[in-house]
Amino acid sequence: AAEAADEGALGTVPMLARKGRASYLGERSIGHQDPGATSSALLFAALAEVAR
């Protein structure tokens, strides 16, 4: 799950933000990783570390 979350966060880089604060940037949001996806990936990585 942690690896999938990390891949998903990286997958947001080419996307156009349509919700949240990043949506105000419009086309300039393309090329930046989504902070919500990144924090979720960090949460899953920490959870996986504790589970080990």
Protein backbone atom coordinates (compact mmCIF):
# COMPACT_ATOMS: atom_id res chain seq x y z
CA ALA A 1 0.00 0.00 0.00
CA ALA A 2 2.87 2.36 0.80
CA GLU A 3 4.47 1.75 -2.60
CA ALA A 4 1.16 2.27 -4.40
CA ALA A 5 0.58 5.52 -2.51
CA ASP A 6 4.03 6.75 -3.49
CA GLU A 7 3.44 5.85 -7.14
CA GLY A 8 0.06 7.59 -7.00
CA ALA A 9 1.59 10.75 -5.55
CA LEU A 10 4.21 10.80 -8.29
CA GLY A 11 1.44 10.25 -10.81
CA THR A 12 -0.12 13.61 -9.91
CA VAL A 13 2.81 15.58 -11.37
CA PRO A 14 1.46 15.83 -14.95
CA MET A 15 -2.12 16.54 -13.80
CA LEU A 16 -3.96 19.86 -13.84
CA ALA A 17 -5.27 20.80 -10.37
CA ARG A 18 -9.03 21.33 -10.42
CA LYS A 19 -9.77 21.44 -6.68
CA GLY A 20 -8.24 23.17 -3.69
CA ARG A 21 -5.73 25.98 -3.54
CA ALA A 22 -3.65 24.63 -6.39
CA SER A 23 -6.63 25.11 -8.73
CA TYR A 24 -6.04 28.88 -8.57
CA LEU A 25 -2.76 28.32 -10.42
CA GLY A 26 -4.51 26.85 -13.45
CA GLU A 27 -2.02 25.57 -16.03
CA ARG A 28 0.90 26.46 -13.74
CA SER A 29 -0.14 23.61 -11.40
CA ILE A 30 1.01 21.09 -14.03
CA GLY A 31 4.43 19.72 -13.13
CA HIS A 32 3.98 19.92 -9.37
CA GLN A 33 3.23 17.00 -7.08
CA ASP A 34 -0.07 17.20 -5.19
CA PRO A 35 0.62 17.93 -1.49
CA GLY A 36 -2.37 15.89 -0.30
CA ALA A 37 -1.24 12.83 -2.19
CA THR A 38 2.29 13.34 -0.93
CA SER A 39 1.23 13.57 2.72
CA SER A 40 -0.93 10.47 2.31
CA ALA A 41 2.04 8.59 0.85
CA LEU A 42 4.15 9.64 3.85
CA LEU A 43 1.40 8.45 6.20
CA PHE A 44 1.28 5.03 4.51
CA ALA A 45 5.08 4.77 4.59
CA ALA A 46 5.10 5.49 8.33
CA LEU A 47 2.31 2.98 8.89
CA ALA A 48 4.22 0.32 6.95
CA GLU A 49 7.35 1.02 9.00
CA VAL A 50 5.46 0.64 12.29
CA ALA A 51 3.80 -2.56 11.08
CA ARG A 52 7.20 -4.13 10.40
